[in-house]
Amino acid sequence: MFETIGWRFYINAKTKEKAQNVIKRIEKVTGKLKISSLEHYWKDNSLFEVYCNSSFQVCEPEKAIFEVLVLVNQIGHDIQVVGPLLNENEQVEFSGYGSRSSIVGLDWFHFYLNNFS
């Protein structure tokens, strides 16, 4: 069962409050995000680095991959995909990233999905 999508976002914002406004725009696409970290990116202080998860409840790998691709396409285009990687015991992991966002203020994003329990 795929239960969450892991996300990393780089948000172009001067303050944490402005970064949170961008997160609200992202949530209109992804649904509610559980933020685990929201800090200035150490390499570039004009960006905030955000680590978070969104809920995702899909059982079949093929359906999960398709639904994530449809979702990610709403966030941005020109996505680079890694996988899907098939491991032992029908474990699947799938990830990708994009730098051409359709959400104002979002510079770069990464997504990660697996069915490891």
N, C-alpha and C. Protein backbone atom coordinates (compact mmCIF):
# COMPACT_ATOMS: atom_id res chain seq x y z
N MET A 1 0.85 -1.18 0.00
CA MET A 1 0.00 0.00 0.00
C MET A 1 0.89 1.24 0.00
N PHE A 2 0.59 2.14 -0.89
CA PHE A 2 1.27 3.44 -0.94
C PHE A 2 0.46 4.39 -0.07
N GLU A 3 1.08 4.93 0.98
CA GLU A 3 0.32 5.72 1.95
C GLU A 3 0.65 7.21 1.94
N THR A 4 1.85 7.56 1.52
CA THR A 4 2.23 8.98 1.49
C THR A 4 3.12 9.26 0.29
N ILE A 5 3.14 10.52 -0.09
CA ILE A 5 4.10 11.01 -1.07
C ILE A 5 5.05 11.92 -0.30
N GLY A 6 6.33 11.66 -0.40
CA GLY A 6 7.32 12.54 0.20
C GLY A 6 7.67 13.66 -0.77
N TRP A 7 7.76 14.88 -0.26
CA TRP A 7 8.05 16.04 -1.09
C TRP A 7 9.22 16.83 -0.54
N ARG A 8 9.96 17.45 -1.44
CA ARG A 8 10.93 18.48 -1.09
C ARG A 8 10.70 19.62 -2.07
N PHE A 9 10.52 20.81 -1.53
CA PHE A 9 10.28 21.99 -2.35
C PHE A 9 11.33 23.04 -2.07
N TYR A 10 11.71 23.78 -3.10
CA TYR A 10 12.51 25.00 -2.94
C TYR A 10 11.63 26.16 -3.35
N ILE A 11 11.34 27.01 -2.38
CA ILE A 11 10.41 28.12 -2.56
C ILE A 11 11.16 29.43 -2.54
N ASN A 12 10.90 30.25 -3.56
CA ASN A 12 11.52 31.56 -3.67
C ASN A 12 10.68 32.55 -2.85
N ALA A 13 11.17 32.89 -1.64
CA ALA A 13 10.44 33.79 -0.75
C ALA A 13 11.43 34.46 0.20
N LYS A 14 11.12 35.70 0.57
CA LYS A 14 12.00 36.44 1.47
C LYS A 14 11.73 36.13 2.93
N THR A 15 10.50 35.75 3.25
CA THR A 15 10.16 35.46 4.64
C THR A 15 9.47 34.11 4.75
N LYS A 16 9.45 33.57 5.95
CA LYS A 16 8.77 32.31 6.19
C LYS A 16 7.27 32.43 5.92
N GLU A 17 6.70 33.58 6.22
CA GLU A 17 5.27 33.80 5.98
C GLU A 17 4.96 33.73 4.48
N LYS A 18 5.82 34.32 3.66
CA LYS A 18 5.61 34.27 2.21
C LYS A 18 5.79 32.85 1.69
N ALA A 19 6.75 32.12 2.27
CA ALA A 19 6.93 30.71 1.90
C ALA A 19 5.69 29.91 2.25
N GLN A 20 5.08 30.20 3.39
CA GLN A 20 3.86 29.50 3.79
C GLN A 20 2.70 29.81 2.84
N ASN A 21 2.67 31.01 2.27
CA ASN A 21 1.65 31.34 1.27
C ASN A 21 1.82 30.49 0.01
N VAL A 22 3.07 30.25 -0.39
CA VAL A 22 3.34 29.38 -1.54
C VAL A 22 2.91 27.95 -1.19
N ILE A 23 3.18 27.52 0.02
CA ILE A 23 2.77 26.17 0.44
C ILE A 23 1.26 26.03 0.34
N LYS A 24 0.52 27.06 0.69
CA LYS A 24 -0.95 27.02 0.57
C LYS A 24 -1.37 26.83 -0.88
N ARG A 25 -0.64 27.47 -1.80
CA ARG A 25 -0.96 27.28 -3.23
C ARG A 25 -0.64 25.85 -3.67
N ILE A 26 0.44 25.31 -3.15
CA ILE A 26 0.81 23.92 -3.47
C ILE A 26 -0.26 22.97 -2.94
N GLU A 27 -0.77 23.24 -1.74
CA GLU A 27 -1.77 22.37 -1.13
C GLU A 27 -3.08 22.35 -1.91
N LYS A 28 -3.34 23.35 -2.71
CA LYS A 28 -4.53 23.33 -3.56
C LYS A 28 -4.44 22.20 -4.58
N VAL A 29 -3.22 21.77 -4.88
CA VAL A 29 -3.00 20.66 -5.82
C VAL A 29 -2.80 19.34 -5.07
N THR A 30 -1.96 19.35 -4.04
CA THR A 30 -1.57 18.11 -3.37
C THR A 30 -2.50 17.69 -2.25
N GLY A 31 -3.31 18.60 -1.76
CA GLY A 31 -4.04 18.35 -0.52
C GLY A 31 -3.16 18.77 0.64
N LYS A 32 -3.64 18.57 1.85
CA LYS A 32 -2.94 19.00 3.06
C LYS A 32 -1.54 18.39 3.13
N LEU A 33 -0.56 19.23 3.42
CA LEU A 33 0.83 18.77 3.58
C LEU A 33 1.20 18.74 5.04
N LYS A 34 1.91 17.70 5.44
CA LYS A 34 2.46 17.61 6.79
C LYS A 34 3.91 18.05 6.69
N ILE A 35 4.19 19.27 7.17
CA ILE A 35 5.52 19.87 7.05
C ILE A 35 6.42 19.32 8.15
N SER A 36 7.57 18.79 7.77
CA SER A 36 8.55 18.34 8.76
C SER A 36 9.70 19.33 8.90
N SER A 37 9.93 20.16 7.87
CA SER A 37 11.00 21.15 7.92
C SER A 37 10.70 22.28 6.95
N LEU A 38 10.89 23.52 7.43
CA LEU A 38 10.74 24.71 6.60
C LEU A 38 11.82 25.68 7.04
N GLU A 39 12.92 25.70 6.31
CA GLU A 39 14.10 26.49 6.67
C GLU A 39 14.71 27.14 5.44
N HIS A 40 15.49 28.20 5.67
CA HIS A 40 16.26 28.78 4.56
C HIS A 40 17.19 27.71 4.00
N TYR A 41 17.30 27.68 2.69
CA TYR A 41 18.20 26.74 2.03
C TYR A 41 19.63 27.23 2.24
N TRP A 42 20.49 26.37 2.73
CA TRP A 42 21.84 26.77 3.13
C TRP A 42 22.69 27.25 1.96
N LYS A 43 22.41 26.81 0.74
CA LYS A 43 23.21 27.24 -0.41
C LYS A 43 22.73 28.57 -0.99
N ASP A 44 21.47 28.94 -0.72
CA ASP A 44 20.89 30.13 -1.32
C ASP A 44 19.82 30.68 -0.37
N ASN A 45 20.13 31.75 0.33
CA ASN A 45 19.20 32.30 1.32
C ASN A 45 17.96 32.93 0.72
N SER A 46 17.88 33.04 -0.61
CA SER A 46 16.65 33.55 -1.22
C SER A 46 15.60 32.44 -1.36
N LEU A 47 15.98 31.22 -1.01
CA LEU A 47 15.07 30.07 -1.11
C LEU A 47 14.80 29.46 0.26
N PHE A 48 13.60 28.94 0.42
CA PHE A 48 13.27 28.12 1.58
C PHE A 48 13.21 26.67 1.11
N GLU A 49 13.78 25.79 1.91
CA GLU A 49 13.74 24.36 1.63
C GLU A 49 12.66 23.75 2.52
N VAL A 50 11.74 23.02 1.91
CA VAL A 50 10.61 22.45 2.63
C VAL A 50 10.62 20.94 2.44
N TYR A 51 10.57 20.20 3.53
CA TYR A 51 10.37 18.75 3.50
C TYR A 51 8.99 18.47 4.07
N CYS A 52 8.21 17.66 3.36
CA CYS A 52 6.85 17.40 3.82
C CYS A 52 6.31 16.12 3.18
N ASN A 53 5.13 15.71 3.63
CA ASN A 53 4.43 14.55 3.10
C ASN A 53 2.99 14.89 2.84
N SER A 54 2.40 14.22 1.88
CA SER A 54 0.96 14.32 1.68
C SER A 54 0.39 12.91 1.70
N SER A 55 -0.85 12.82 2.12
CA SER A 55 -1.53 11.54 2.21
C SER A 55 -1.81 10.98 0.81
N PHE A 56 -1.70 9.67 0.70
CA PHE A 56 -1.90 9.00 -0.59
C PHE A 56 -2.29 7.57 -0.29
N GLN A 57 -3.45 7.13 -0.71
CA GLN A 57 -3.94 5.80 -0.37
C GLN A 57 -4.27 5.01 -1.64
N VAL A 58 -3.25 4.35 -2.19
CA VAL A 58 -3.43 3.53 -3.39
C VAL A 58 -2.70 2.22 -3.18
N CYS A 59 -3.29 1.13 -3.60
CA CYS A 59 -2.68 -0.20 -3.42
C CYS A 59 -1.81 -0.64 -4.60
N GLU A 60 -2.34 -0.54 -5.81
CA GLU A 60 -1.66 -1.10 -6.98
C GLU A 60 -0.55 -0.17 -7.46
N PRO A 61 0.66 -0.71 -7.69
CA PRO A 61 1.79 0.12 -8.15
C PRO A 61 1.50 0.88 -9.44
N GLU A 62 0.88 0.22 -10.41
CA GLU A 62 0.62 0.89 -11.69
C GLU A 62 -0.31 2.08 -11.51
N LYS A 63 -1.33 1.91 -10.71
CA LYS A 63 -2.28 3.00 -10.45
C LYS A 63 -1.62 4.11 -9.65
N ALA A 64 -0.79 3.74 -8.67
CA ALA A 64 -0.10 4.74 -7.85
C ALA A 64 0.82 5.60 -8.72
N ILE A 65 1.59 4.98 -9.58
CA ILE A 65 2.52 5.71 -10.44
C ILE A 65 1.75 6.65 -11.37
N PHE A 66 0.67 6.15 -11.98
CA PHE A 66 -0.12 6.98 -12.87
C PHE A 66 -0.72 8.18 -12.12
N GLU A 67 -1.31 7.93 -10.95
CA GLU A 67 -1.94 9.02 -10.19
C GLU A 67 -0.92 10.06 -9.74
N VAL A 68 0.28 9.62 -9.36
CA VAL A 68 1.32 10.57 -8.97
C VAL A 68 1.75 11.40 -10.17
N LEU A 69 1.89 10.78 -11.33
CA LEU A 69 2.27 11.53 -12.53
C LEU A 69 1.22 12.57 -12.90
N VAL A 70 -0.05 12.23 -12.78
CA VAL A 70 -1.12 13.19 -13.05
C VAL A 70 -1.04 14.34 -12.05
N LEU A 71 -0.84 14.02 -10.78
CA LEU A 71 -0.73 15.04 -9.73
C LEU A 71 0.47 15.96 -9.97
N VAL A 72 1.62 15.38 -10.22
CA VAL A 72 2.85 16.15 -10.42
C VAL A 72 2.74 17.04 -11.65
N ASN A 73 2.05 16.59 -12.66
CA ASN A 73 1.87 17.40 -13.86
C ASN A 73 1.09 18.68 -13.58
N GLN A 74 0.29 18.68 -12.53
CA GLN A 74 -0.44 19.88 -12.13
C GLN A 74 0.47 20.87 -11.40
N ILE A 75 1.56 20.36 -10.83
CA ILE A 75 2.51 21.23 -10.13
C ILE A 75 3.49 21.85 -11.12
N GLY A 76 3.91 21.08 -12.09
CA GLY A 76 4.87 21.59 -13.06
C GLY A 76 5.05 20.63 -14.21
N HIS A 77 5.78 21.09 -15.20
CA HIS A 77 6.01 20.30 -16.40
C HIS A 77 7.51 20.02 -16.52
N ASP A 78 7.88 19.26 -17.52
CA ASP A 78 9.27 18.90 -17.76
C ASP A 78 9.82 18.14 -16.55
N ILE A 79 9.13 17.10 -16.16
CA ILE A 79 9.48 16.30 -14.99
C ILE A 79 10.51 15.23 -15.39
N GLN A 80 11.52 15.08 -14.56
CA GLN A 80 12.49 14.01 -14.73
C GLN A 80 12.11 12.88 -13.76
N VAL A 81 11.94 11.69 -14.27
CA VAL A 81 11.45 10.57 -13.47
C VAL A 81 12.57 9.56 -13.23
N VAL A 82 12.60 9.01 -12.02
CA VAL A 82 13.54 7.94 -11.66
C VAL A 82 12.70 6.72 -11.30
N GLY A 83 12.88 5.65 -12.04
CA GLY A 83 12.14 4.43 -11.75
C GLY A 83 10.93 4.30 -12.65
N PRO A 84 10.04 3.46 -12.28
CA PRO A 84 9.92 2.81 -10.98
C PRO A 84 10.99 1.73 -10.79
N LEU A 85 11.44 1.63 -9.56
CA LEU A 85 12.41 0.61 -9.19
C LEU A 85 11.67 -0.51 -8.48
N LEU A 86 11.86 -1.73 -8.93
CA LEU A 86 11.19 -2.89 -8.36
C LEU A 86 12.19 -3.65 -7.51
N ASN A 87 11.85 -3.81 -6.22
CA ASN A 87 12.71 -4.50 -5.27
C ASN A 87 12.09 -5.84 -4.90
N GLU A 88 12.68 -6.50 -3.94
CA GLU A 88 12.16 -7.78 -3.46
C GLU A 88 10.76 -7.61 -2.86
N ASN A 89 10.02 -8.68 -2.80
CA ASN A 89 8.70 -8.72 -2.15
C ASN A 89 7.73 -7.67 -2.69
N GLU A 90 7.79 -7.43 -3.99
CA GLU A 90 6.89 -6.48 -4.65
C GLU A 90 6.99 -5.06 -4.10
N GLN A 91 8.14 -4.72 -3.56
CA GLN A 91 8.36 -3.34 -3.10
C GLN A 91 8.72 -2.48 -4.31
N VAL A 92 8.07 -1.32 -4.38
CA VAL A 92 8.24 -0.42 -5.51
C VAL A 92 8.59 0.96 -4.97
N GLU A 93 9.57 1.61 -5.61
CA GLU A 93 9.85 3.01 -5.29
C GLU A 93 9.91 3.80 -6.58
N PHE A 94 9.48 5.04 -6.48
CA PHE A 94 9.31 5.88 -7.65
C PHE A 94 9.54 7.32 -7.23
N SER A 95 10.32 8.05 -8.01
CA SER A 95 10.59 9.44 -7.65
C SER A 95 10.84 10.28 -8.90
N GLY A 96 10.96 11.56 -8.68
CA GLY A 96 11.24 12.46 -9.79
C GLY A 96 11.38 13.88 -9.28
N TYR A 97 11.71 14.77 -10.19
CA TYR A 97 11.87 16.17 -9.82
C TYR A 97 11.54 17.05 -11.02
N GLY A 98 11.25 18.30 -10.71
CA GLY A 98 10.93 19.25 -11.76
C GLY A 98 11.39 20.64 -11.39
N SER A 99 11.80 21.40 -12.38
CA SER A 99 12.26 22.77 -12.13
C SER A 99 11.44 23.80 -12.89
N ARG A 100 10.40 23.36 -13.57
CA ARG A 100 9.51 24.28 -14.28
C ARG A 100 8.13 24.16 -13.65
N SER A 101 7.91 24.94 -12.62
CA SER A 101 6.68 24.87 -11.86
C SER A 101 5.60 25.77 -12.44
N SER A 102 4.37 25.35 -12.31
CA SER A 102 3.24 26.19 -12.69
C SER A 102 2.67 26.93 -11.48
N ILE A 103 3.31 26.79 -10.33
CA ILE A 103 2.89 27.47 -9.10
C ILE A 103 3.87 28.61 -8.83
N VAL A 104 3.34 29.83 -8.75
CA VAL A 104 4.17 31.01 -8.53
C VAL A 104 4.91 30.87 -7.19
N GLY A 105 6.23 31.08 -7.23
CA GLY A 105 7.06 31.01 -6.04
C GLY A 105 7.73 29.67 -5.82
N LEU A 106 7.30 28.65 -6.52
CA LEU A 106 7.92 27.32 -6.40
C LEU A 106 8.99 27.19 -7.48
N ASP A 107 10.25 27.08 -7.05
CA ASP A 107 11.37 27.02 -7.99
C ASP A 107 11.72 25.60 -8.43
N TRP A 108 11.62 24.65 -7.50
CA TRP A 108 12.07 23.28 -7.78
C TRP A 108 11.32 22.36 -6.83
N PHE A 109 11.06 21.13 -7.27
CA PHE A 109 10.40 20.17 -6.39
C PHE A 109 10.87 18.76 -6.68
N HIS A 110 10.77 17.93 -5.68
CA HIS A 110 11.12 16.52 -5.76
C HIS A 110 9.98 15.74 -5.11
N PHE A 111 9.63 14.60 -5.67
CA PHE A 111 8.63 13.74 -5.06
C PHE A 111 9.18 12.34 -4.92
N TYR A 112 8.68 11.60 -3.92
CA TYR A 112 9.15 10.25 -3.65
C TYR A 112 7.98 9.42 -3.16
N LEU A 113 7.86 8.23 -3.70
CA LEU A 113 6.75 7.35 -3.35
C LEU A 113 7.27 5.93 -3.23
N ASN A 114 6.84 5.21 -2.18
CA ASN A 114 7.17 3.78 -2.09
C ASN A 114 6.09 3.06 -1.30
N ASN A 115 6.10 1.74 -1.40
CA ASN A 115 5.13 0.93 -0.66
C ASN A 115 5.83 0.08 0.41
N PHE A 116 6.93 0.58 0.96
CA PHE A 116 7.64 -0.13 2.02
C PHE A 116 6.87 0.04 3.33
N SER A 117 6.75 -1.01 4.08
CA SER A 117 6.03 -0.91 5.36
C SER A 117 6.96 -1.18 6.51
